[in-house]
Amino acid sequence: MTLLTQTQLDHYETKGYLALDSWISDEWLERLNAKLDEYIEVSRTAEPKDRRFDTEPEHSPDNPRLRRINTPTDVDPIFAEFALDGPATDLAEAILGPNIRFHHSKLNIKWHSGGDEVKWHQDIQFWPHTDFSPLTIGVYLRDVDDEMGPMGIVPGSHKGPLFDLADEEGAWTGALNDTDLAQVDLDSADYLKGPAGSVTVHNCCAVHGSEPNDSERMRPLLLQTYSRADSYPLIGVGANGATGRSGHQIVRGGAPTHIEVDGRRMPAAPDWSRGYTSIFDVQGN
């Protein structure tokens, strides 16, 4: 079954993103929302150092204000099924081709009544790869309108400059500074909203962000990032070493036999990350 039309694929290529209304089935929505509600309850009494959760400073048992469920693929098998061999994987394959590498997942919960904004930024600087194929697939688990701080994306920005995400003194902030923002046509930003089950897809170089959630409803957005299998995260840079147990694995197709680095194509050895002895064993000596 063809998941995307050629028009949709062309839009992703030229604009750097897609918006797919009501794309996730009601069955999947019910399963994912049930897990979301379950972990919100768990977060009420979770220890401050519980690495599953990122909470606002005002978070308490009586007033939970959960910002994020970290690496949900490692937290619960339902999230793992969805991201590693489910609808999100299907969509990644439709865009990137048959051989797909999973990078990471997160469930951002922009809480109601002032849930945090996400300043304008690009993703690839947070977790550099050997190419720019990585993309992130987001699923709105609840209805999202303009008041709730939907994600905005600047069309075509994925083909523009890669910004420092630092302030004027060079300190890392994770957001474009005012000088760099002046180079971006923010007036053209497309704010991707829609009913529950709507899906967003954006390239790792696209400039995007979102306003605070001023509504009385929370805005949960389940995110999962993929790349082509021959795209490799650069370990030791940014968040590439903090993607959890599920990170970096091949989830569709097979591992590449060749890779390209600095314009040179070369054969690639098998992945021995789960066990390697020595060159003597490999060569049969």
C-alpha atoms as a PDB file:
ATOM      1  CA  MET A   1       0.000   0.000   0.000  1.00  0.00           C
ATOM      2  CA  THR A   2       1.296   3.464  -0.928  1.00  0.00           C
ATOM      3  CA  LEU A   3       1.210   5.587   2.213  1.00  0.00           C
ATOM      4  CA  LEU A   4       2.041   8.908   0.546  1.00  0.00           C
ATOM      5  CA  THR A   5       1.235  10.399  -2.831  1.00  0.00           C
ATOM      6  CA  GLN A   6       3.931  11.752  -5.108  1.00  0.00           C
ATOM      7  CA  THR A   7       2.591  15.231  -4.397  1.00  0.00           C
ATOM      8  CA  GLN A   8       3.161  14.697  -0.671  1.00  0.00           C
ATOM      9  CA  LEU A   9       6.661  13.355  -1.256  1.00  0.00           C
ATOM     10  CA  ASP A  10       7.477  16.340  -3.468  1.00  0.00           C
ATOM     11  CA  HIS A  11       6.161  18.687  -0.764  1.00  0.00           C
ATOM     12  CA  TYR A  12       8.469  17.113   1.801  1.00  0.00           C
ATOM     13  CA  GLU A  13      11.418  17.406  -0.584  1.00  0.00           C
ATOM     14  CA  THR A  14      10.831  21.075  -1.462  1.00  0.00           C
ATOM     15  CA  LYS A  15       9.324  22.432   1.770  1.00  0.00           C
ATOM     16  CA  GLY A  16      11.017  20.178   4.332  1.00  0.00           C
ATOM     17  CA  TYR A  17       7.886  19.007   6.127  1.00  0.00           C
ATOM     18  CA  LEU A  18       4.476  17.349   5.872  1.00  0.00           C
ATOM     19  CA  ALA A  19       1.191  17.690   7.753  1.00  0.00           C
ATOM     20  CA  LEU A  20      -1.130  14.667   7.630  1.00  0.00           C
ATOM     21  CA  ASP A  21      -4.525  15.192   9.244  1.00  0.00           C
ATOM     22  CA  SER A  22      -6.057  12.309  11.227  1.00  0.00           C
ATOM     23  CA  TRP A  23      -3.431   9.918   9.898  1.00  0.00           C
ATOM     24  CA  ILE A  24      -3.176   7.579  12.903  1.00  0.00           C
ATOM     25  CA  SER A  25      -5.958   5.043  13.431  1.00  0.00           C
ATOM     26  CA  ASP A  26      -8.422   5.358  16.315  1.00  0.00           C
ATOM     27  CA  GLU A  27      -7.140   2.054  17.703  1.00  0.00           C
ATOM     28  CA  TRP A  28      -3.580   3.320  17.910  1.00  0.00           C
ATOM     29  CA  LEU A  29      -4.709   6.646  19.352  1.00  0.00           C
ATOM     30  CA  GLU A  30      -6.602   4.861  22.093  1.00  0.00           C
ATOM     31  CA  ARG A  31      -3.602   2.711  22.990  1.00  0.00           C
ATOM     32  CA  LEU A  32      -1.143   5.619  23.007  1.00  0.00           C
ATOM     33  CA  ASN A  33      -3.419   7.918  24.996  1.00  0.00           C
ATOM     34  CA  ALA A  34      -4.059   5.213  27.567  1.00  0.00           C
ATOM     35  CA  LYS A  35      -0.307   4.938  28.121  1.00  0.00           C
ATOM     36  CA  LEU A  36       0.052   8.708  28.287  1.00  0.00           C
ATOM     37  CA  ASP A  37      -2.589   8.897  31.017  1.00  0.00           C
ATOM     38  CA  GLU A  38      -0.952   6.015  32.862  1.00  0.00           C
ATOM     39  CA  TYR A  39       2.453   7.684  32.975  1.00  0.00           C
ATOM     40  CA  ILE A  40       1.034  11.057  33.950  1.00  0.00           C
ATOM     41  CA  GLU A  41      -0.366   9.311  37.023  1.00  0.00           C
ATOM     42  CA  VAL A  42       2.988   7.627  37.693  1.00  0.00           C
ATOM     43  CA  SER A  43       4.762  10.996  37.417  1.00  0.00           C
ATOM     44  CA  ARG A  44       2.698  12.426  40.285  1.00  0.00           C
ATOM     45  CA  THR A  45       4.700  10.485  42.862  1.00  0.00           C
ATOM     46  CA  ALA A  46       7.883   9.772  40.906  1.00  0.00           C
ATOM     47  CA  GLU A  47      11.204  10.605  42.512  1.00  0.00           C
ATOM     48  CA  PRO A  48      12.814  13.837  41.270  1.00  0.00           C
ATOM     49  CA  LYS A  49      15.668  11.836  39.738  1.00  0.00           C
ATOM     50  CA  ASP A  50      13.362   9.466  37.819  1.00  0.00           C
ATOM     51  CA  ARG A  51      14.925   9.673  34.353  1.00  0.00           C
ATOM     52  CA  ARG A  52      11.693   8.738  32.632  1.00  0.00           C
ATOM     53  CA  PHE A  53      10.245  12.182  33.271  1.00  0.00           C
ATOM     54  CA  ASP A  54      11.088  15.835  32.692  1.00  0.00           C
ATOM     55  CA  THR A  55       8.794  18.080  34.728  1.00  0.00           C
ATOM     56  CA  GLU A  56       8.158  21.787  35.123  1.00  0.00           C
ATOM     57  CA  PRO A  57       9.411  23.311  38.404  1.00  0.00           C
ATOM     58  CA  GLU A  58       5.817  23.580  39.685  1.00  0.00           C
ATOM     59  CA  HIS A  59       5.139  19.849  39.194  1.00  0.00           C
ATOM     60  CA  SER A  60       3.598  18.165  42.248  1.00  0.00           C
ATOM     61  CA  PRO A  61       1.349  15.187  43.060  1.00  0.00           C
ATOM     62  CA  ASP A  62      -1.673  17.474  43.232  1.00  0.00           C
ATOM     63  CA  ASN A  63      -0.683  19.556  40.207  1.00  0.00           C
ATOM     64  CA  PRO A  64       1.237  17.403  37.723  1.00  0.00           C
ATOM     65  CA  ARG A  65       3.015  19.457  35.050  1.00  0.00           C
ATOM     66  CA  LEU A  66       4.890  16.932  32.983  1.00  0.00           C
ATOM     67  CA  ARG A  67       7.014  18.361  30.164  1.00  0.00           C
ATOM     68  CA  ARG A  68       8.290  15.154  28.639  1.00  0.00           C
ATOM     69  CA  ILE A  69       8.373  11.377  28.861  1.00  0.00           C
ATOM     70  CA  ASN A  70      11.960  10.565  27.920  1.00  0.00           C
ATOM     71  CA  THR A  71      12.728   7.723  25.488  1.00  0.00           C
ATOM     72  CA  PRO A  72       9.203   6.244  25.586  1.00  0.00           C
ATOM     73  CA  THR A  73      10.404   3.331  23.442  1.00  0.00           C
ATOM     74  CA  ASP A  74      12.429   2.208  26.470  1.00  0.00           C
ATOM     75  CA  VAL A  75       9.666   3.026  28.957  1.00  0.00           C
ATOM     76  CA  ASP A  76       6.783   0.975  27.549  1.00  0.00           C
ATOM     77  CA  PRO A  77       6.322  -1.734  24.881  1.00  0.00           C
ATOM     78  CA  ILE A  78       3.335   0.071  23.337  1.00  0.00           C
ATOM     79  CA  PHE A  79       5.496   3.084  22.476  1.00  0.00           C
ATOM     80  CA  ALA A  80       8.231   0.729  21.262  1.00  0.00           C
ATOM     81  CA  GLU A  81       5.848  -1.146  18.983  1.00  0.00           C
ATOM     82  CA  PHE A  82       4.549   2.093  17.473  1.00  0.00           C
ATOM     83  CA  ALA A  83       7.986   3.565  16.777  1.00  0.00           C
ATOM     84  CA  LEU A  84      10.120   0.510  16.007  1.00  0.00           C
ATOM     85  CA  ASP A  85       7.759  -1.560  13.871  1.00  0.00           C
ATOM     86  CA  GLY A  86       4.470   0.304  13.567  1.00  0.00           C
ATOM     87  CA  PRO A  87       2.813   3.196  11.740  1.00  0.00           C
ATOM     88  CA  ALA A  88       5.649   5.643  12.404  1.00  0.00           C
ATOM     89  CA  THR A  89       8.164   3.184  10.968  1.00  0.00           C
ATOM     90  CA  ASP A  90       5.937   2.680   7.932  1.00  0.00           C
ATOM     91  CA  LEU A  91       5.855   6.404   7.296  1.00  0.00           C
ATOM     92  CA  ALA A  92       9.620   6.766   7.699  1.00  0.00           C
ATOM     93  CA  GLU A  93      10.109   3.983   5.175  1.00  0.00           C
ATOM     94  CA  ALA A  94       7.744   5.670   2.713  1.00  0.00           C
ATOM     95  CA  ILE A  95       9.898   8.809   2.782  1.00  0.00           C
ATOM     96  CA  LEU A  96      13.441   7.525   3.316  1.00  0.00           C
ATOM     97  CA  GLY A  97      13.401   4.200   1.475  1.00  0.00           C
ATOM     98  CA  PRO A  98      13.628   0.559   2.477  1.00  0.00           C
ATOM     99  CA  ASN A  99      16.562   0.679   4.923  1.00  0.00           C
ATOM    100  CA  ILE A 100      15.771   2.697   8.044  1.00  0.00           C
ATOM    101  CA  ARG A 101      17.704   3.491  11.215  1.00  0.00           C
ATOM    102  CA  PHE A 102      15.862   4.598  14.373  1.00  0.00           C
ATOM    103  CA  HIS A 103      17.523   7.350  16.371  1.00  0.00           C
ATOM    104  CA  HIS A 104      15.384   8.316  19.384  1.00  0.00           C
ATOM    105  CA  SER A 105      11.908   9.064  20.711  1.00  0.00           C
ATOM    106  CA  LYS A 106      10.310  11.460  23.169  1.00  0.00           C
ATOM    107  CA  LEU A 107       6.805  12.456  24.209  1.00  0.00           C
ATOM    108  CA  ASN A 108       6.610  16.219  24.657  1.00  0.00           C
ATOM    109  CA  ILE A 109       3.641  17.277  26.780  1.00  0.00           C
ATOM    110  CA  LYS A 110       3.096  21.002  26.526  1.00  0.00           C
ATOM    111  CA  TRP A 111       1.000  21.354  29.654  1.00  0.00           C
ATOM    112  CA  HIS A 112      -2.080  23.533  29.756  1.00  0.00           C
ATOM    113  CA  SER A 113      -2.171  27.102  31.117  1.00  0.00           C
ATOM    114  CA  GLY A 114       1.280  28.200  30.044  1.00  0.00           C
ATOM    115  CA  GLY A 115       3.152  25.066  28.991  1.00  0.00           C
ATOM    116  CA  ASP A 116       6.655  25.975  27.831  1.00  0.00           C
ATOM    117  CA  GLU A 117       7.402  27.401  24.404  1.00  0.00           C
ATOM    118  CA  VAL A 118      10.009  25.802  22.147  1.00  0.00           C
ATOM    119  CA  LYS A 119      12.180  28.517  20.620  1.00  0.00           C
ATOM    120  CA  TRP A 120      13.085  28.523  16.928  1.00  0.00           C
ATOM    121  CA  HIS A 121      15.808  25.971  16.252  1.00  0.00           C
ATOM    122  CA  GLN A 122      17.041  23.191  13.964  1.00  0.00           C
ATOM    123  CA  ASP A 123      17.467  19.611  15.158  1.00  0.00           C
ATOM    124  CA  ILE A 124      20.613  18.361  13.445  1.00  0.00           C
ATOM    125  CA  GLN A 125      22.959  20.449  15.623  1.00  0.00           C
ATOM    126  CA  PHE A 126      21.681  18.570  18.697  1.00  0.00           C
ATOM    127  CA  TRP A 127      22.590  15.165  17.224  1.00  0.00           C
ATOM    128  CA  PRO A 128      24.808  15.468  14.100  1.00  0.00           C
ATOM    129  CA  HIS A 129      24.821  12.648  11.541  1.00  0.00           C
ATOM    130  CA  THR A 130      26.942  11.821   8.517  1.00  0.00           C
ATOM    131  CA  ASP A 131      24.197  13.232   6.270  1.00  0.00           C
ATOM    132  CA  PHE A 132      21.008  15.274   6.474  1.00  0.00           C
ATOM    133  CA  SER A 133      18.462  12.521   5.894  1.00  0.00           C
ATOM    134  CA  PRO A 134      17.199  12.360   9.515  1.00  0.00           C
ATOM    135  CA  LEU A 135      13.575  13.339   9.991  1.00  0.00           C
ATOM    136  CA  THR A 136      11.201  13.459  12.918  1.00  0.00           C
ATOM    137  CA  ILE A 137       7.646  12.137  12.874  1.00  0.00           C
ATOM    138  CA  GLY A 138       5.285  13.694  15.400  1.00  0.00           C
ATOM    139  CA  VAL A 139       1.820  12.505  16.411  1.00  0.00           C
ATOM    140  CA  TYR A 140      -0.680  14.800  18.097  1.00  0.00           C
ATOM    141  CA  LEU A 141      -2.406  12.583  20.656  1.00  0.00           C
ATOM    142  CA  ARG A 142      -5.120  15.189  21.302  1.00  0.00           C
ATOM    143  CA  ASP A 143      -6.830  17.820  19.137  1.00  0.00           C
ATOM    144  CA  VAL A 144      -4.542  20.831  18.626  1.00  0.00           C
ATOM    145  CA  ASP A 145      -5.586  24.356  17.675  1.00  0.00           C
ATOM    146  CA  ASP A 146      -3.818  27.722  17.470  1.00  0.00           C
ATOM    147  CA  GLU A 147      -4.250  28.447  21.179  1.00  0.00           C
ATOM    148  CA  MET A 148      -2.304  25.339  22.178  1.00  0.00           C
ATOM    149  CA  GLY A 149       1.079  26.237  20.691  1.00  0.00           C
ATOM    150  CA  PRO A 150       1.184  24.002  17.601  1.00  0.00           C
ATOM    151  CA  MET A 151       4.549  23.409  15.942  1.00  0.00           C
ATOM    152  CA  GLY A 152       5.462  26.016  13.336  1.00  0.00           C
ATOM    153  CA  ILE A 153       7.869  25.247  10.486  1.00  0.00           C
ATOM    154  CA  VAL A 154       9.481  27.662   8.033  1.00  0.00           C
ATOM    155  CA  PRO A 155       8.974  26.237   4.518  1.00  0.00           C
ATOM    156  CA  GLY A 156      12.189  25.557   2.620  1.00  0.00           C
ATOM    157  CA  SER A 157      14.418  26.401   5.584  1.00  0.00           C
ATOM    158  CA  HIS A 158      15.887  22.876   5.478  1.00  0.00           C
ATOM    159  CA  LYS A 159      17.847  23.958   2.396  1.00  0.00           C
ATOM    160  CA  GLY A 160      19.150  27.142   4.007  1.00  0.00           C
ATOM    161  CA  PRO A 161      21.926  27.923   6.507  1.00  0.00           C
ATOM    162  CA  LEU A 162      22.700  25.708   9.485  1.00  0.00           C
ATOM    163  CA  PHE A 163      22.780  28.114  12.401  1.00  0.00           C
ATOM    164  CA  ASP A 164      25.012  28.082  15.504  1.00  0.00           C
ATOM    165  CA  LEU A 165      22.132  27.867  18.049  1.00  0.00           C
ATOM    166  CA  ALA A 166      24.251  30.062  20.283  1.00  0.00           C
ATOM    167  CA  ASP A 167      23.901  33.533  21.735  1.00  0.00           C
ATOM    168  CA  GLU A 168      25.867  36.535  20.535  1.00  0.00           C
ATOM    169  CA  GLU A 169      28.750  35.579  22.869  1.00  0.00           C
ATOM    170  CA  GLY A 170      28.921  32.058  21.437  1.00  0.00           C
ATOM    171  CA  ALA A 171      27.341  30.204  24.374  1.00  0.00           C
ATOM    172  CA  TRP A 172      25.097  27.309  23.359  1.00  0.00           C
ATOM    173  CA  THR A 173      21.402  28.080  23.835  1.00  0.00           C
ATOM    174  CA  GLY A 174      19.727  25.539  21.549  1.00  0.00           C
ATOM    175  CA  ALA A 175      17.899  28.355  19.759  1.00  0.00           C
ATOM    176  CA  LEU A 176      18.541  30.831  16.953  1.00  0.00           C
ATOM    177  CA  ASN A 177      19.735  34.201  18.227  1.00  0.00           C
ATOM    178  CA  ASP A 178      18.167  37.458  17.079  1.00  0.00           C
ATOM    179  CA  THR A 179      20.800  38.076  14.410  1.00  0.00           C
ATOM    180  CA  ASP A 180      20.229  34.684  12.825  1.00  0.00           C
ATOM    181  CA  LEU A 181      16.452  34.919  13.188  1.00  0.00           C
ATOM    182  CA  ALA A 182      16.590  38.039  11.013  1.00  0.00           C
ATOM    183  CA  GLN A 183      17.717  35.767   8.145  1.00  0.00           C
ATOM    184  CA  VAL A 184      14.648  33.526   8.493  1.00  0.00           C
ATOM    185  CA  ASP A 185      11.251  34.328   6.988  1.00  0.00           C
ATOM    186  CA  LEU A 186       9.243  33.675  10.138  1.00  0.00           C
ATOM    187  CA  ASP A 187       6.182  35.293   8.558  1.00  0.00           C
ATOM    188  CA  SER A 188       5.980  32.307   6.206  1.00  0.00           C
ATOM    189  CA  ALA A 189       5.890  29.757   9.046  1.00  0.00           C
ATOM    190  CA  ASP A 190       3.213  27.094   8.697  1.00  0.00           C
ATOM    191  CA  TYR A 191       1.674  26.160  12.048  1.00  0.00           C
ATOM    192  CA  LEU A 192       0.760  22.486  11.938  1.00  0.00           C
ATOM    193  CA  LYS A 193      -2.404  21.876  13.897  1.00  0.00           C
ATOM    194  CA  GLY A 194      -5.201  19.369  13.520  1.00  0.00           C
ATOM    195  CA  PRO A 195      -7.403  16.761  15.148  1.00  0.00           C
ATOM    196  CA  ALA A 196      -6.029  13.977  17.334  1.00  0.00           C
ATOM    197  CA  GLY A 197      -4.082  11.501  15.242  1.00  0.00           C
ATOM    198  CA  SER A 198      -2.663  14.156  12.940  1.00  0.00           C
ATOM    199  CA  VAL A 199       0.982  13.686  12.017  1.00  0.00           C
ATOM    200  CA  THR A 200       3.822  16.122  11.412  1.00  0.00           C
ATOM    201  CA  VAL A 201       7.035  15.243   9.594  1.00  0.00           C
ATOM    202  CA  HIS A 202      10.013  17.580   9.431  1.00  0.00           C
ATOM    203  CA  ASN A 203      13.555  17.345   8.152  1.00  0.00           C
ATOM    204  CA  CYS A 204      16.389  17.718  10.653  1.00  0.00           C
ATOM    205  CA  CYS A 205      17.509  21.026   9.078  1.00  0.00           C
ATOM    206  CA  ALA A 206      14.089  22.719   9.060  1.00  0.00           C
ATOM    207  CA  VAL A 207      13.711  25.772  11.304  1.00  0.00           C
ATOM    208  CA  HIS A 208      10.816  25.144  13.679  1.00  0.00           C
ATOM    209  CA  GLY A 209       9.432  26.107  17.080  1.00  0.00           C
ATOM    210  CA  SER A 210       6.206  26.633  19.003  1.00  0.00           C
ATOM    211  CA  GLU A 211       4.505  29.147  21.303  1.00  0.00           C
ATOM    212  CA  PRO A 212       3.424  28.424  24.906  1.00  0.00           C
ATOM    213  CA  ASN A 213       0.195  26.517  25.409  1.00  0.00           C
ATOM    214  CA  ASP A 214      -2.259  29.140  26.668  1.00  0.00           C
ATOM    215  CA  SER A 215      -5.281  26.870  26.511  1.00  0.00           C
ATOM    216  CA  GLU A 216      -6.789  24.801  29.305  1.00  0.00           C
ATOM    217  CA  ARG A 217      -5.885  21.579  27.472  1.00  0.00           C
ATOM    218  CA  MET A 218      -2.514  19.847  27.344  1.00  0.00           C
ATOM    219  CA  ARG A 219      -0.773  19.307  24.011  1.00  0.00           C
ATOM    220  CA  PRO A 220       0.972  15.907  23.920  1.00  0.00           C
ATOM    221  CA  LEU A 221       3.175  15.360  20.854  1.00  0.00           C
ATOM    222  CA  LEU A 222       4.793  11.934  20.438  1.00  0.00           C
ATOM    223  CA  LEU A 223       8.036  12.301  18.474  1.00  0.00           C
ATOM    224  CA  GLN A 224      10.307   9.711  16.879  1.00  0.00           C
ATOM    225  CA  THR A 225      13.365  10.315  14.711  1.00  0.00           C
ATOM    226  CA  TYR A 226      14.704   8.158  11.865  1.00  0.00           C
ATOM    227  CA  SER A 227      17.359   8.344   9.175  1.00  0.00           C
ATOM    228  CA  ARG A 228      18.452   6.264   6.236  1.00  0.00           C
ATOM    229  CA  ALA A 229      20.356   3.217   7.420  1.00  0.00           C
ATOM    230  CA  ASP A 230      23.585   4.518   5.884  1.00  0.00           C
ATOM    231  CA  SER A 231      23.339   7.712   7.929  1.00  0.00           C
ATOM    232  CA  TYR A 232      25.371   7.403  11.125  1.00  0.00           C
ATOM    233  CA  PRO A 233      25.052   9.495  14.313  1.00  0.00           C
ATOM    234  CA  LEU A 234      28.343  11.022  15.395  1.00  0.00           C
ATOM    235  CA  ILE A 235      28.946   9.549  18.829  1.00  0.00           C
ATOM    236  CA  GLY A 236      30.496  11.968  21.290  1.00  0.00           C
ATOM    237  CA  VAL A 237      28.576  14.954  19.903  1.00  0.00           C
ATOM    238  CA  GLY A 238      25.385  16.371  21.413  1.00  0.00           C
ATOM    239  CA  ALA A 239      22.661  13.917  22.393  1.00  0.00           C
ATOM    240  CA  ASN A 240      23.841  11.030  20.212  1.00  0.00           C
ATOM    241  CA  GLY A 241      25.110   9.146  23.232  1.00  0.00           C
ATOM    242  CA  ALA A 242      21.884   9.615  25.194  1.00  0.00           C
ATOM    243  CA  THR A 243      19.252   8.053  22.963  1.00  0.00           C
ATOM    244  CA  GLY A 244      18.480   5.092  25.226  1.00  0.00           C
ATOM    245  CA  ARG A 245      18.609   1.357  24.588  1.00  0.00           C
ATOM    246  CA  SER A 246      16.520   1.606  21.412  1.00  0.00           C
ATOM    247  CA  GLY A 247      18.712   4.205  19.744  1.00  0.00           C
ATOM    248  CA  HIS A 248      20.641   3.720  16.504  1.00  0.00           C
ATOM    249  CA  GLN A 249      19.169   0.328  15.572  1.00  0.00           C
ATOM    250  CA  ILE A 250      18.077  -0.713  12.079  1.00  0.00           C
ATOM    251  CA  VAL A 251      14.273  -1.035  12.139  1.00  0.00           C
ATOM    252  CA  ARG A 252      13.550  -1.719   8.460  1.00  0.00           C
ATOM    253  CA  GLY A 253      15.577  -3.394   5.749  1.00  0.00           C
ATOM    254  CA  GLY A 254      19.203  -4.180   6.385  1.00  0.00           C
ATOM    255  CA  ALA A 255      22.453  -2.578   7.433  1.00  0.00           C
ATOM    256  CA  PRO A 256      24.446  -0.893   4.670  1.00  0.00           C
ATOM    257  CA  THR A 257      27.362  -2.666   3.045  1.00  0.00           C
ATOM    258  CA  HIS A 258      28.821   0.666   1.876  1.00  0.00           C
ATOM    259  CA  ILE A 259      28.837   4.171   3.331  1.00  0.00           C
ATOM    260  CA  GLU A 260      29.884   7.568   2.029  1.00  0.00           C
ATOM    261  CA  VAL A 261      32.062   9.916   4.056  1.00  0.00           C
ATOM    262  CA  ASP A 262      33.549  13.166   2.774  1.00  0.00           C
ATOM    263  CA  GLY A 263      32.447  12.302  -0.742  1.00  0.00           C
ATOM    264  CA  ARG A 264      34.199   8.917  -0.759  1.00  0.00           C
ATOM    265  CA  ARG A 265      32.266   5.653  -0.950  1.00  0.00           C
ATOM    266  CA  MET A 266      33.754   2.771   0.976  1.00  0.00           C
ATOM    267  CA  PRO A 267      32.800  -0.754   2.080  1.00  0.00           C
ATOM    268  CA  ALA A 268      31.512  -1.033   5.641  1.00  0.00           C
ATOM    269  CA  ALA A 269      32.180  -3.876   8.065  1.00  0.00           C
ATOM    270  CA  PRO A 270      29.195  -5.504   9.797  1.00  0.00           C
ATOM    271  CA  ASP A 271      27.908  -4.008  13.036  1.00  0.00           C
ATOM    272  CA  TRP A 272      29.896  -5.697  15.811  1.00  0.00           C
ATOM    273  CA  SER A 273      28.581  -3.488  18.630  1.00  0.00           C
ATOM    274  CA  ARG A 274      27.081  -6.528  20.363  1.00  0.00           C
ATOM    275  CA  GLY A 275      30.328  -8.462  20.324  1.00  0.00           C
ATOM    276  CA  TYR A 276      33.781  -8.351  18.715  1.00  0.00           C
ATOM    277  CA  THR A 277      36.870 -10.415  19.443  1.00  0.00           C
ATOM    278  CA  SER A 278      39.806  -9.465  17.215  1.00  0.00           C
ATOM    279  CA  ILE A 279      41.029  -9.192  13.645  1.00  0.00           C
ATOM    280  CA  PHE A 280      42.542 -12.665  14.092  1.00  0.00           C
ATOM    281  CA  ASP A 281      39.137 -14.192  14.717  1.00  0.00           C
ATOM    282  CA  VAL A 282      37.509 -12.278  11.856  1.00  0.00           C
ATOM    283  CA  GLN A 283      40.206 -13.337   9.407  1.00  0.00           C
ATOM    284  CA  GLY A 284      40.017 -16.901  10.582  1.00  0.00           C
ATOM    285  CA  ASN A 285      43.586 -17.095  11.844  1.00  0.00           C
END
